[in-house]
Amino acid sequence: MLGANDGVLSISGLMLGVAAAHASPSGIFAAGIAGLVAGALSMGAGEYVSVSSQADTERADLDIERKALQNDSAAEHAELRDIYIQRGLDHELATQVSRQLMAHDALGAHARDDIGITEALTARPLQAAVTSSVSFTLGGIVPLLAGILAPREAILVIAVVSFAFLAALGALAARAGGAPILRGAVRVLIWGALAMGVTGAVGALFGAVE
């Protein structure tokens, strides 16, 4: 939803700015297409680099844990035991749990309970990049299609359709997170209106200068 929200705001703002500068319908469409492609690639590349850095950090942390287990297994056992004691287990039970978990998968136990790395939450750069690019594209297509279907009223139609989609995304995100739906929708609309208003004003200013 965040990627789709970025797509709507980025492409609608870009197209509104170009439209406010009195560009032709073909120019508005070209700007929208270029922004959609550039935004999707940028989001994907940025997410890939960011999550790759996270994956590198995770691998480095696992290497440290692996070496610690090889060099001083007793200290690592005590460390894991103390973690379980801090979470509420008594000393005897914590000792038994840590001993059994380390016998089954020592590195996995330390990765999960010591440094917080789990299979479900481990960094996946390619998956993150694809998801980010696709979500941005799906959001950006909305104002792009609105501008294509109503070229003569591009500013009005793009703004109205984008606001409606942003409100829906804000409501869905709020519902998914258990927050008030109306508050989520209004918050997104306020920032969306600000972003579109600023880009539209910039486009009108430069259009007037030319």
N, C-alpha and C. Protein backbone atom coordinates (compact mmCIF):
# COMPACT_ATOMS: atom_id res chain seq x y z
N MET A 1 0.83 -1.21 0.00
CA MET A 1 0.00 0.00 0.00
C MET A 1 0.86 1.26 0.00
N LEU A 2 1.98 1.21 0.70
CA LEU A 2 2.86 2.37 0.72
C LEU A 2 3.44 2.64 -0.67
N GLY A 3 3.81 1.57 -1.38
CA GLY A 3 4.34 1.74 -2.72
C GLY A 3 3.29 2.29 -3.66
N ALA A 4 2.06 1.79 -3.55
CA ALA A 4 0.97 2.29 -4.39
C ALA A 4 0.68 3.75 -4.07
N ASN A 5 0.72 4.10 -2.79
CA ASN A 5 0.51 5.48 -2.39
C ASN A 5 1.57 6.39 -3.00
N ASP A 6 2.83 5.93 -2.98
CA ASP A 6 3.91 6.70 -3.60
C ASP A 6 3.67 6.87 -5.10
N GLY A 7 3.21 5.79 -5.73
CA GLY A 7 2.95 5.85 -7.16
C GLY A 7 1.88 6.86 -7.52
N VAL A 8 0.78 6.86 -6.76
CA VAL A 8 -0.30 7.81 -7.03
C VAL A 8 0.20 9.24 -6.85
N LEU A 9 0.86 9.50 -5.73
CA LEU A 9 1.31 10.86 -5.45
C LEU A 9 2.36 11.34 -6.46
N SER A 10 3.31 10.47 -6.77
CA SER A 10 4.39 10.87 -7.67
C SER A 10 3.87 11.18 -9.07
N ILE A 11 3.09 10.26 -9.64
CA ILE A 11 2.63 10.43 -11.02
C ILE A 11 1.55 11.51 -11.13
N SER A 12 0.64 11.56 -10.16
CA SER A 12 -0.39 12.61 -10.22
C SER A 12 0.25 13.98 -10.06
N GLY A 13 1.21 14.10 -9.13
CA GLY A 13 1.89 15.38 -8.95
C GLY A 13 2.65 15.79 -10.20
N LEU A 14 3.34 14.83 -10.80
CA LEU A 14 4.10 15.12 -12.02
C LEU A 14 3.18 15.57 -13.15
N MET A 15 2.10 14.83 -13.36
CA MET A 15 1.19 15.16 -14.46
C MET A 15 0.46 16.47 -14.21
N LEU A 16 0.10 16.72 -12.96
CA LEU A 16 -0.57 17.99 -12.65
C LEU A 16 0.37 19.16 -12.84
N GLY A 17 1.64 18.98 -12.47
CA GLY A 17 2.61 20.04 -12.67
C GLY A 17 2.82 20.35 -14.14
N VAL A 18 2.92 19.31 -14.95
CA VAL A 18 3.10 19.51 -16.39
C VAL A 18 1.84 20.10 -17.01
N ALA A 19 0.68 19.63 -16.57
CA ALA A 19 -0.58 20.16 -17.10
C ALA A 19 -0.75 21.63 -16.72
N ALA A 20 -0.37 21.99 -15.50
CA ALA A 20 -0.49 23.38 -15.06
C ALA A 20 0.44 24.30 -15.84
N ALA A 21 1.50 23.73 -16.42
CA ALA A 21 2.42 24.52 -17.26
C ALA A 21 1.92 24.64 -18.69
N HIS A 22 0.66 24.22 -18.91
CA HIS A 22 -0.01 24.34 -20.21
C HIS A 22 0.63 23.45 -21.27
N ALA A 23 1.07 22.27 -20.86
CA ALA A 23 1.60 21.31 -21.83
C ALA A 23 0.45 20.69 -22.61
N SER A 24 0.78 20.14 -23.76
CA SER A 24 -0.23 19.48 -24.58
C SER A 24 -0.60 18.14 -23.95
N PRO A 25 -1.75 17.54 -24.32
CA PRO A 25 -2.12 16.22 -23.80
C PRO A 25 -1.04 15.17 -24.04
N SER A 26 -0.39 15.23 -25.20
CA SER A 26 0.66 14.27 -25.49
C SER A 26 1.86 14.48 -24.57
N GLY A 27 2.13 15.76 -24.25
CA GLY A 27 3.23 16.06 -23.33
C GLY A 27 2.92 15.58 -21.92
N ILE A 28 1.68 15.73 -21.48
CA ILE A 28 1.28 15.25 -20.16
C ILE A 28 1.39 13.73 -20.10
N PHE A 29 0.95 13.07 -21.18
CA PHE A 29 1.02 11.61 -21.23
C PHE A 29 2.47 11.14 -21.21
N ALA A 30 3.32 11.81 -21.99
CA ALA A 30 4.74 11.42 -22.03
C ALA A 30 5.39 11.60 -20.67
N ALA A 31 5.04 12.69 -19.98
CA ALA A 31 5.60 12.92 -18.64
C ALA A 31 5.14 11.83 -17.69
N GLY A 32 3.87 11.45 -17.80
CA GLY A 32 3.34 10.40 -16.92
C GLY A 32 4.02 9.06 -17.15
N ILE A 33 4.21 8.70 -18.42
CA ILE A 33 4.86 7.43 -18.76
C ILE A 33 6.31 7.44 -18.27
N ALA A 34 7.01 8.54 -18.55
CA ALA A 34 8.41 8.62 -18.12
C ALA A 34 8.52 8.56 -16.60
N GLY A 35 7.62 9.25 -15.91
CA GLY A 35 7.64 9.23 -14.46
C GLY A 35 7.32 7.86 -13.90
N LEU A 36 6.39 7.16 -14.55
CA LEU A 36 6.01 5.82 -14.10
C LEU A 36 7.19 4.84 -14.23
N VAL A 37 7.85 4.88 -15.38
CA VAL A 37 8.99 3.98 -15.61
C VAL A 37 10.14 4.32 -14.67
N ALA A 38 10.46 5.62 -14.61
CA ALA A 38 11.57 6.04 -13.75
C ALA A 38 11.28 5.75 -12.28
N GLY A 39 10.05 6.00 -11.86
CA GLY A 39 9.70 5.76 -10.46
C GLY A 39 9.74 4.30 -10.10
N ALA A 40 9.21 3.44 -10.98
CA ALA A 40 9.22 2.01 -10.70
C ALA A 40 10.64 1.47 -10.61
N LEU A 41 11.48 1.88 -11.56
CA LEU A 41 12.88 1.43 -11.54
C LEU A 41 13.63 1.98 -10.33
N SER A 42 13.36 3.23 -10.01
CA SER A 42 14.03 3.84 -8.86
C SER A 42 13.61 3.17 -7.56
N MET A 43 12.33 2.92 -7.41
CA MET A 43 11.84 2.25 -6.20
C MET A 43 12.44 0.86 -6.08
N GLY A 44 12.46 0.13 -7.20
CA GLY A 44 13.02 -1.23 -7.18
C GLY A 44 14.50 -1.22 -6.86
N ALA A 45 15.25 -0.33 -7.51
CA ALA A 45 16.69 -0.28 -7.28
C ALA A 45 17.00 0.15 -5.85
N GLY A 46 16.28 1.15 -5.37
CA GLY A 46 16.52 1.62 -4.02
C GLY A 46 16.21 0.56 -2.98
N GLU A 47 15.11 -0.14 -3.19
CA GLU A 47 14.73 -1.20 -2.25
C GLU A 47 15.72 -2.35 -2.29
N TYR A 48 16.19 -2.68 -3.49
CA TYR A 48 17.16 -3.77 -3.62
C TYR A 48 18.46 -3.44 -2.89
N VAL A 49 18.94 -2.22 -3.09
CA VAL A 49 20.19 -1.82 -2.42
C VAL A 49 20.02 -1.80 -0.91
N SER A 50 18.90 -1.24 -0.46
CA SER A 50 18.66 -1.13 0.98
C SER A 50 18.55 -2.50 1.64
N VAL A 51 17.75 -3.38 1.04
CA VAL A 51 17.55 -4.71 1.64
C VAL A 51 18.80 -5.57 1.47
N SER A 52 19.57 -5.34 0.40
CA SER A 52 20.83 -6.06 0.24
C SER A 52 21.80 -5.70 1.37
N SER A 53 21.82 -4.43 1.74
CA SER A 53 22.66 -4.00 2.86
C SER A 53 22.22 -4.67 4.15
N GLN A 54 20.90 -4.78 4.32
CA GLN A 54 20.38 -5.48 5.49
C GLN A 54 20.79 -6.95 5.47
N ALA A 55 20.72 -7.57 4.29
CA ALA A 55 21.12 -8.98 4.17
C ALA A 55 22.60 -9.17 4.48
N ASP A 56 23.43 -8.22 4.02
CA ASP A 56 24.87 -8.29 4.32
C ASP A 56 25.11 -8.22 5.83
N THR A 57 24.37 -7.34 6.49
CA THR A 57 24.50 -7.20 7.95
C THR A 57 24.08 -8.48 8.65
N GLU A 58 22.99 -9.08 8.17
CA GLU A 58 22.53 -10.33 8.77
C GLU A 58 23.57 -11.44 8.61
N ARG A 59 24.16 -11.52 7.41
CA ARG A 59 25.18 -12.56 7.19
C ARG A 59 26.40 -12.33 8.08
N ALA A 60 26.79 -11.07 8.24
CA ALA A 60 27.93 -10.75 9.11
C ALA A 60 27.62 -11.14 10.56
N ASP A 61 26.40 -10.85 11.00
CA ASP A 61 26.01 -11.20 12.37
C ASP A 61 26.01 -12.71 12.57
N LEU A 62 25.53 -13.43 11.57
CA LEU A 62 25.51 -14.89 11.66
C LEU A 62 26.93 -15.46 11.69
N ASP A 63 27.83 -14.85 10.93
CA ASP A 63 29.23 -15.31 10.96
C ASP A 63 29.84 -15.11 12.34
N ILE A 64 29.51 -13.99 12.97
CA ILE A 64 30.01 -13.72 14.32
C ILE A 64 29.48 -14.77 15.29
N GLU A 65 28.19 -15.06 15.19
CA GLU A 65 27.60 -16.06 16.08
C GLU A 65 28.19 -17.45 15.83
N ARG A 66 28.41 -17.76 14.55
CA ARG A 66 28.97 -19.08 14.21
C ARG A 66 30.36 -19.25 14.81
N LYS A 67 31.18 -18.21 14.72
CA LYS A 67 32.53 -18.28 15.28
C LYS A 67 32.50 -18.34 16.80
N ALA A 68 31.56 -17.59 17.41
CA ALA A 68 31.44 -17.61 18.86
C ALA A 68 31.03 -18.99 19.36
N LEU A 69 30.16 -19.65 18.63
CA LEU A 69 29.74 -21.00 19.01
C LEU A 69 30.89 -21.98 18.89
N GLN A 70 31.73 -21.80 17.90
CA GLN A 70 32.88 -22.69 17.73
C GLN A 70 33.96 -22.46 18.79
N ASN A 71 34.14 -21.20 19.17
CA ASN A 71 35.24 -20.86 20.08
C ASN A 71 34.87 -20.96 21.55
N ASP A 72 33.60 -20.69 21.89
CA ASP A 72 33.21 -20.69 23.30
C ASP A 72 31.74 -21.07 23.42
N SER A 73 31.48 -22.35 23.26
CA SER A 73 30.10 -22.83 23.30
C SER A 73 29.45 -22.61 24.65
N ALA A 74 30.22 -22.74 25.72
CA ALA A 74 29.67 -22.59 27.07
C ALA A 74 29.16 -21.16 27.30
N ALA A 75 29.93 -20.18 26.84
CA ALA A 75 29.51 -18.79 27.01
C ALA A 75 28.25 -18.50 26.19
N GLU A 76 28.17 -19.07 25.01
CA GLU A 76 26.99 -18.88 24.18
C GLU A 76 25.76 -19.54 24.79
N HIS A 77 25.97 -20.68 25.41
CA HIS A 77 24.88 -21.36 26.11
C HIS A 77 24.38 -20.48 27.26
N ALA A 78 25.31 -19.92 28.04
CA ALA A 78 24.94 -19.05 29.16
C ALA A 78 24.21 -17.80 28.66
N GLU A 79 24.65 -17.28 27.53
CA GLU A 79 24.01 -16.10 26.96
C GLU A 79 22.57 -16.38 26.59
N LEU A 80 22.34 -17.52 25.95
CA LEU A 80 20.99 -17.90 25.55
C LEU A 80 20.13 -18.18 26.78
N ARG A 81 20.72 -18.83 27.76
CA ARG A 81 19.98 -19.11 29.01
C ARG A 81 19.54 -17.80 29.67
N ASP A 82 20.44 -16.83 29.74
CA ASP A 82 20.11 -15.55 30.37
C ASP A 82 19.01 -14.81 29.62
N ILE A 83 18.98 -14.97 28.31
CA ILE A 83 17.91 -14.34 27.52
C ILE A 83 16.56 -14.89 27.94
N TYR A 84 16.49 -16.21 28.12
CA TYR A 84 15.22 -16.83 28.51
C TYR A 84 14.85 -16.48 29.94
N ILE A 85 15.83 -16.31 30.79
CA ILE A 85 15.55 -15.88 32.17
C ILE A 85 14.94 -14.49 32.16
N GLN A 86 15.49 -13.59 31.33
CA GLN A 86 14.96 -12.23 31.23
C GLN A 86 13.54 -12.22 30.69
N ARG A 87 13.19 -13.25 29.94
CA ARG A 87 11.84 -13.33 29.39
C ARG A 87 10.84 -13.99 30.34
N GLY A 88 11.33 -14.44 31.49
CA GLY A 88 10.39 -14.94 32.50
C GLY A 88 10.58 -16.36 32.94
N LEU A 89 11.48 -17.13 32.33
CA LEU A 89 11.69 -18.51 32.75
C LEU A 89 12.60 -18.54 33.98
N ASP A 90 12.38 -19.57 34.84
CA ASP A 90 13.30 -19.70 35.97
C ASP A 90 14.62 -20.29 35.48
N HIS A 91 15.63 -20.26 36.33
CA HIS A 91 16.98 -20.64 35.93
C HIS A 91 17.04 -22.07 35.41
N GLU A 92 16.39 -22.98 36.09
CA GLU A 92 16.46 -24.40 35.70
C GLU A 92 15.80 -24.63 34.35
N LEU A 93 14.60 -24.07 34.17
CA LEU A 93 13.90 -24.25 32.90
C LEU A 93 14.63 -23.57 31.76
N ALA A 94 15.16 -22.37 32.01
CA ALA A 94 15.90 -21.65 30.98
C ALA A 94 17.13 -22.44 30.56
N THR A 95 17.78 -23.09 31.53
CA THR A 95 18.95 -23.91 31.21
C THR A 95 18.56 -25.08 30.33
N GLN A 96 17.45 -25.74 30.67
CA GLN A 96 16.99 -26.88 29.88
C GLN A 96 16.60 -26.46 28.46
N VAL A 97 15.88 -25.36 28.36
CA VAL A 97 15.44 -24.88 27.04
C VAL A 97 16.64 -24.52 26.17
N SER A 98 17.56 -23.75 26.73
CA SER A 98 18.72 -23.34 25.94
C SER A 98 19.56 -24.55 25.53
N ARG A 99 19.71 -25.53 26.43
CA ARG A 99 20.50 -26.71 26.11
C ARG A 99 19.85 -27.51 24.98
N GLN A 100 18.54 -27.69 25.05
CA GLN A 100 17.85 -28.49 24.02
C GLN A 100 17.82 -27.76 22.68
N LEU A 101 17.59 -26.45 22.71
CA LEU A 101 17.57 -25.71 21.45
C LEU A 101 18.94 -25.68 20.79
N MET A 102 19.97 -25.53 21.58
CA MET A 102 21.32 -25.52 21.01
C MET A 102 21.73 -26.89 20.51
N ALA A 103 21.23 -27.94 21.14
CA ALA A 103 21.52 -29.29 20.64
C ALA A 103 20.83 -29.53 19.30
N HIS A 104 19.66 -28.91 19.13
CA HIS A 104 18.92 -29.10 17.88
C HIS A 104 19.47 -28.21 16.77
N ASP A 105 19.65 -26.91 17.05
CA ASP A 105 20.15 -25.96 16.05
C ASP A 105 20.71 -24.74 16.79
N ALA A 106 21.97 -24.82 17.17
CA ALA A 106 22.57 -23.77 17.99
C ALA A 106 22.57 -22.42 17.28
N LEU A 107 23.00 -22.42 16.02
CA LEU A 107 23.05 -21.15 15.28
C LEU A 107 21.66 -20.57 15.08
N GLY A 108 20.69 -21.43 14.75
CA GLY A 108 19.32 -20.96 14.55
C GLY A 108 18.73 -20.38 15.82
N ALA A 109 19.02 -21.01 16.97
CA ALA A 109 18.51 -20.52 18.25
C ALA A 109 19.08 -19.14 18.56
N HIS A 110 20.37 -18.96 18.35
CA HIS A 110 20.99 -17.66 18.62
C HIS A 110 20.55 -16.61 17.60
N ALA A 111 20.40 -17.03 16.35
CA ALA A 111 19.95 -16.08 15.33
C ALA A 111 18.56 -15.55 15.68
N ARG A 112 17.70 -16.43 16.12
CA ARG A 112 16.31 -16.03 16.42
C ARG A 112 16.21 -15.24 17.72
N ASP A 113 16.79 -15.76 18.79
CA ASP A 113 16.54 -15.19 20.12
C ASP A 113 17.60 -14.19 20.58
N ASP A 114 18.78 -14.21 19.96
CA ASP A 114 19.84 -13.29 20.37
C ASP A 114 19.89 -12.06 19.46
N ILE A 115 19.89 -12.28 18.14
CA ILE A 115 20.02 -11.14 17.23
C ILE A 115 18.77 -10.87 16.39
N GLY A 116 17.71 -11.66 16.60
CA GLY A 116 16.42 -11.35 16.00
C GLY A 116 16.27 -11.67 14.53
N ILE A 117 17.01 -12.65 14.03
CA ILE A 117 16.90 -13.05 12.63
C ILE A 117 16.08 -14.33 12.55
N THR A 118 14.98 -14.29 11.81
CA THR A 118 14.15 -15.47 11.60
C THR A 118 13.97 -15.71 10.11
N GLU A 119 13.55 -16.89 9.76
CA GLU A 119 13.34 -17.24 8.36
C GLU A 119 12.26 -16.37 7.74
N ALA A 120 11.21 -16.10 8.51
CA ALA A 120 10.09 -15.33 7.97
C ALA A 120 10.47 -13.86 7.75
N LEU A 121 11.38 -13.33 8.57
CA LEU A 121 11.71 -11.91 8.50
C LEU A 121 13.07 -11.63 7.88
N THR A 122 13.75 -12.67 7.39
CA THR A 122 15.07 -12.46 6.82
C THR A 122 15.00 -11.60 5.57
N ALA A 123 16.04 -10.84 5.31
CA ALA A 123 16.05 -9.91 4.17
C ALA A 123 16.06 -10.67 2.84
N ARG A 124 15.17 -10.27 1.92
CA ARG A 124 15.10 -10.84 0.58
C ARG A 124 15.12 -9.70 -0.43
N PRO A 125 16.29 -9.31 -0.89
CA PRO A 125 16.42 -8.12 -1.75
C PRO A 125 15.59 -8.17 -3.02
N LEU A 126 15.65 -9.28 -3.75
CA LEU A 126 14.94 -9.35 -5.03
C LEU A 126 13.44 -9.28 -4.82
N GLN A 127 12.94 -9.99 -3.84
CA GLN A 127 11.51 -9.96 -3.55
C GLN A 127 11.06 -8.55 -3.17
N ALA A 128 11.86 -7.88 -2.35
CA ALA A 128 11.53 -6.51 -1.93
C ALA A 128 11.54 -5.57 -3.13
N ALA A 129 12.51 -5.73 -4.02
CA ALA A 129 12.61 -4.85 -5.19
C ALA A 129 11.41 -5.03 -6.12
N VAL A 130 11.05 -6.28 -6.39
CA VAL A 130 9.92 -6.54 -7.29
C VAL A 130 8.62 -6.02 -6.68
N THR A 131 8.42 -6.29 -5.40
CA THR A 131 7.20 -5.83 -4.73
C THR A 131 7.09 -4.32 -4.76
N SER A 132 8.19 -3.63 -4.50
CA SER A 132 8.19 -2.17 -4.49
C SER A 132 7.89 -1.61 -5.87
N SER A 133 8.52 -2.18 -6.89
CA SER A 133 8.29 -1.70 -8.26
C SER A 133 6.87 -1.94 -8.72
N VAL A 134 6.35 -3.12 -8.44
CA VAL A 134 4.99 -3.45 -8.88
C VAL A 134 3.96 -2.59 -8.17
N SER A 135 4.11 -2.41 -6.86
CA SER A 135 3.14 -1.60 -6.12
C SER A 135 3.17 -0.14 -6.58
N PHE A 136 4.37 0.39 -6.85
CA PHE A 136 4.47 1.76 -7.37
C PHE A 136 3.78 1.86 -8.72
N THR A 137 4.00 0.89 -9.57
CA THR A 137 3.40 0.90 -10.91
C THR A 137 1.89 0.84 -10.84
N LEU A 138 1.36 -0.02 -9.98
CA LEU A 138 -0.10 -0.14 -9.85
C LEU A 138 -0.71 1.17 -9.37
N GLY A 139 -0.04 1.84 -8.44
CA GLY A 139 -0.56 3.12 -8.00
C GLY A 139 -0.42 4.21 -9.05
N GLY A 140 0.73 4.24 -9.74
CA GLY A 140 0.97 5.27 -10.73
C GLY A 140 0.09 5.16 -11.96
N ILE A 141 -0.38 3.96 -12.26
CA ILE A 141 -1.24 3.77 -13.44
C ILE A 141 -2.56 4.52 -13.28
N VAL A 142 -3.02 4.68 -12.05
CA VAL A 142 -4.33 5.30 -11.81
C VAL A 142 -4.40 6.73 -12.35
N PRO A 143 -3.53 7.65 -11.92
CA PRO A 143 -3.61 9.00 -12.50
C PRO A 143 -3.23 9.03 -13.98
N LEU A 144 -2.36 8.11 -14.41
CA LEU A 144 -1.99 8.07 -15.81
C LEU A 144 -3.19 7.75 -16.69
N LEU A 145 -3.96 6.74 -16.31
CA LEU A 145 -5.16 6.37 -17.07
C LEU A 145 -6.20 7.49 -17.01
N ALA A 146 -6.30 8.14 -15.84
CA ALA A 146 -7.26 9.24 -15.73
C ALA A 146 -6.92 10.36 -16.71
N GLY A 147 -5.64 10.67 -16.84
CA GLY A 147 -5.23 11.71 -17.78
C GLY A 147 -5.45 11.31 -19.22
N ILE A 148 -5.27 10.02 -19.53
CA ILE A 148 -5.46 9.54 -20.90
C ILE A 148 -6.93 9.58 -21.29
N LEU A 149 -7.81 9.17 -20.36
CA LEU A 149 -9.23 9.07 -20.66
C LEU A 149 -9.92 10.43 -20.72
N ALA A 150 -9.35 11.43 -20.07
CA ALA A 150 -9.97 12.76 -20.10
C ALA A 150 -8.89 13.82 -20.32
N PRO A 151 -8.31 13.86 -21.52
CA PRO A 151 -7.19 14.79 -21.78
C PRO A 151 -7.57 16.27 -21.69
N ARG A 152 -8.81 16.60 -22.02
CA ARG A 152 -9.22 17.99 -22.01
C ARG A 152 -9.45 18.53 -20.60
N GLU A 153 -9.78 17.66 -19.68
CA GLU A 153 -10.01 18.04 -18.29
C GLU A 153 -9.00 17.33 -17.40
N ALA A 154 -7.76 17.28 -17.87
CA ALA A 154 -6.74 16.47 -17.21
C ALA A 154 -6.54 16.86 -15.75
N ILE A 155 -6.42 18.14 -15.48
CA ILE A 155 -6.13 18.58 -14.12
C ILE A 155 -7.23 18.15 -13.15
N LEU A 156 -8.46 18.43 -13.52
CA LEU A 156 -9.59 18.10 -12.64
C LEU A 156 -9.73 16.59 -12.46
N VAL A 157 -9.69 15.85 -13.57
CA VAL A 157 -9.92 14.40 -13.50
C VAL A 157 -8.78 13.70 -12.76
N ILE A 158 -7.55 14.07 -13.05
CA ILE A 158 -6.41 13.45 -12.36
C ILE A 158 -6.50 13.70 -10.86
N ALA A 159 -6.83 14.94 -10.49
CA ALA A 159 -6.91 15.28 -9.06
C ALA A 159 -8.02 14.49 -8.37
N VAL A 160 -9.20 14.46 -8.98
CA VAL A 160 -10.34 13.79 -8.36
C VAL A 160 -10.09 12.29 -8.22
N VAL A 161 -9.63 11.67 -9.32
CA VAL A 161 -9.39 10.23 -9.29
C VAL A 161 -8.27 9.88 -8.30
N SER A 162 -7.23 10.69 -8.29
CA SER A 162 -6.11 10.44 -7.37
C SER A 162 -6.55 10.58 -5.92
N PHE A 163 -7.34 11.60 -5.62
CA PHE A 163 -7.84 11.78 -4.25
C PHE A 163 -8.69 10.58 -3.82
N ALA A 164 -9.53 10.11 -4.72
CA ALA A 164 -10.38 8.97 -4.39
C ALA A 164 -9.55 7.72 -4.11
N PHE A 165 -8.54 7.52 -4.94
CA PHE A 165 -7.69 6.34 -4.77
C PHE A 165 -6.84 6.45 -3.50
N LEU A 166 -6.34 7.65 -3.22
CA LEU A 166 -5.56 7.87 -2.01
C LEU A 166 -6.40 7.63 -0.76
N ALA A 167 -7.65 8.10 -0.80
CA ALA A 167 -8.54 7.89 0.34
C ALA A 167 -8.79 6.40 0.56
N ALA A 168 -8.97 5.67 -0.54
CA ALA A 168 -9.19 4.22 -0.42
C ALA A 168 -7.95 3.53 0.14
N LEU A 169 -6.78 3.92 -0.34
CA LEU A 169 -5.54 3.33 0.17
C LEU A 169 -5.34 3.65 1.65
N GLY A 170 -5.61 4.90 2.03
CA GLY A 170 -5.48 5.28 3.43
C GLY A 170 -6.43 4.51 4.32
N ALA A 171 -7.65 4.31 3.85
CA ALA A 171 -8.63 3.56 4.62
C ALA A 171 -8.23 2.09 4.75
N LEU A 172 -7.75 1.50 3.66
CA LEU A 172 -7.34 0.10 3.69
C LEU A 172 -6.13 -0.10 4.61
N ALA A 173 -5.17 0.83 4.53
CA ALA A 173 -3.99 0.73 5.39
C ALA A 173 -4.38 0.85 6.85
N ALA A 174 -5.29 1.77 7.16
CA ALA A 174 -5.74 1.95 8.53
C ALA A 174 -6.49 0.71 9.03
N ARG A 175 -7.33 0.16 8.17
CA ARG A 175 -8.07 -1.05 8.57
C ARG A 175 -7.13 -2.21 8.80
N ALA A 176 -6.14 -2.37 7.93
CA ALA A 176 -5.17 -3.46 8.09
C ALA A 176 -4.39 -3.32 9.39
N GLY A 177 -4.13 -2.08 9.79
CA GLY A 177 -3.36 -1.85 11.01
C GLY A 177 -4.22 -1.71 12.25
N GLY A 178 -5.54 -1.79 12.09
CA GLY A 178 -6.43 -1.68 13.24
C GLY A 178 -6.64 -0.25 13.71
N ALA A 179 -6.29 0.73 12.87
CA ALA A 179 -6.46 2.14 13.24
C ALA A 179 -7.80 2.65 12.70
N PRO A 180 -8.27 3.82 13.19
CA PRO A 180 -9.51 4.40 12.67
C PRO A 180 -9.42 4.65 11.17
N ILE A 181 -10.40 4.17 10.43
CA ILE A 181 -10.37 4.26 8.97
C ILE A 181 -10.44 5.71 8.50
N LEU A 182 -11.33 6.50 9.10
CA LEU A 182 -11.51 7.88 8.66
C LEU A 182 -10.24 8.68 8.87
N ARG A 183 -9.59 8.48 10.01
CA ARG A 183 -8.35 9.21 10.29
C ARG A 183 -7.28 8.87 9.27
N GLY A 184 -7.17 7.58 8.92
CA GLY A 184 -6.17 7.16 7.94
C GLY A 184 -6.43 7.77 6.58
N ALA A 185 -7.70 7.80 6.17
CA ALA A 185 -8.04 8.36 4.87
C ALA A 185 -7.80 9.86 4.82
N VAL A 186 -8.20 10.57 5.88
CA VAL A 186 -8.04 12.03 5.92
C VAL A 186 -6.56 12.41 5.93
N ARG A 187 -5.76 11.66 6.69
CA ARG A 187 -4.33 11.96 6.77
C ARG A 187 -3.68 11.86 5.39
N VAL A 188 -4.00 10.82 4.65
CA VAL A 188 -3.43 10.65 3.31
C VAL A 188 -3.93 11.74 2.37
N LEU A 189 -5.19 12.11 2.49
CA LEU A 189 -5.75 13.13 1.62
C LEU A 189 -5.09 14.49 1.86
N ILE A 190 -4.83 14.81 3.12
CA ILE A 190 -4.21 16.10 3.44
C ILE A 190 -2.83 16.20 2.80
N TRP A 191 -2.02 15.18 3.01
CA TRP A 191 -0.66 15.21 2.44
C TRP A 191 -0.69 15.09 0.93
N GLY A 192 -1.65 14.34 0.41
CA GLY A 192 -1.78 14.24 -1.04
C GLY A 192 -2.16 15.58 -1.65
N ALA A 193 -3.10 16.29 -1.02
CA ALA A 193 -3.50 17.60 -1.52
C ALA A 193 -2.33 18.57 -1.47
N LEU A 194 -1.55 18.51 -0.41
CA LEU A 194 -0.39 19.39 -0.30
C LEU A 194 0.61 19.12 -1.42
N ALA A 195 0.92 17.83 -1.65
CA ALA A 195 1.89 17.47 -2.68
C ALA A 195 1.40 17.89 -4.06
N MET A 196 0.14 17.62 -4.37
CA MET A 196 -0.39 17.99 -5.69
C MET A 196 -0.47 19.50 -5.84
N GLY A 197 -0.85 20.19 -4.77
CA GLY A 197 -0.94 21.63 -4.84
C GLY A 197 0.41 22.28 -5.11
N VAL A 198 1.45 21.79 -4.44
CA VAL A 198 2.78 22.36 -4.62
C VAL A 198 3.29 22.11 -6.03
N THR A 199 3.16 20.86 -6.52
CA THR A 199 3.65 20.56 -7.87
C THR A 199 2.84 21.32 -8.93
N GLY A 200 1.54 21.45 -8.70
CA GLY A 200 0.73 22.22 -9.64
C GLY A 200 1.15 23.68 -9.66
N ALA A 201 1.43 24.23 -8.49
CA ALA A 201 1.85 25.63 -8.42
C ALA A 201 3.20 25.84 -9.10
N VAL A 202 4.10 24.90 -8.91
CA VAL A 202 5.41 25.00 -9.56
C VAL A 202 5.26 24.94 -11.07
N GLY A 203 4.41 24.01 -11.55
CA GLY A 203 4.18 23.92 -12.98
C GLY A 203 3.57 25.19 -13.55
N ALA A 204 2.61 25.74 -12.84
CA ALA A 204 1.97 26.99 -13.31
C ALA A 204 2.96 28.13 -13.31
N LEU A 205 3.83 28.18 -12.31
CA LEU A 205 4.83 29.26 -12.22
C LEU A 205 5.80 29.20 -13.40
N PHE A 206 6.33 28.03 -13.66
CA PHE A 206 7.30 27.91 -14.75
C PHE A 206 6.61 28.06 -16.10
N GLY A 207 5.35 27.62 -16.18
CA GLY A 207 4.63 27.80 -17.43
C GLY A 207 4.40 29.28 -17.71
N ALA A 208 4.11 30.05 -16.64
CA ALA A 208 3.90 31.47 -16.82
C ALA A 208 5.20 32.19 -17.20
N VAL A 209 6.32 31.74 -16.62
CA VAL A 209 7.62 32.35 -16.93
C VAL A 209 7.97 32.15 -18.40
N GLU A 210 7.68 30.96 -18.90
CA GLU A 210 7.98 30.70 -20.30
C GLU A 210 7.08 31.53 -21.20
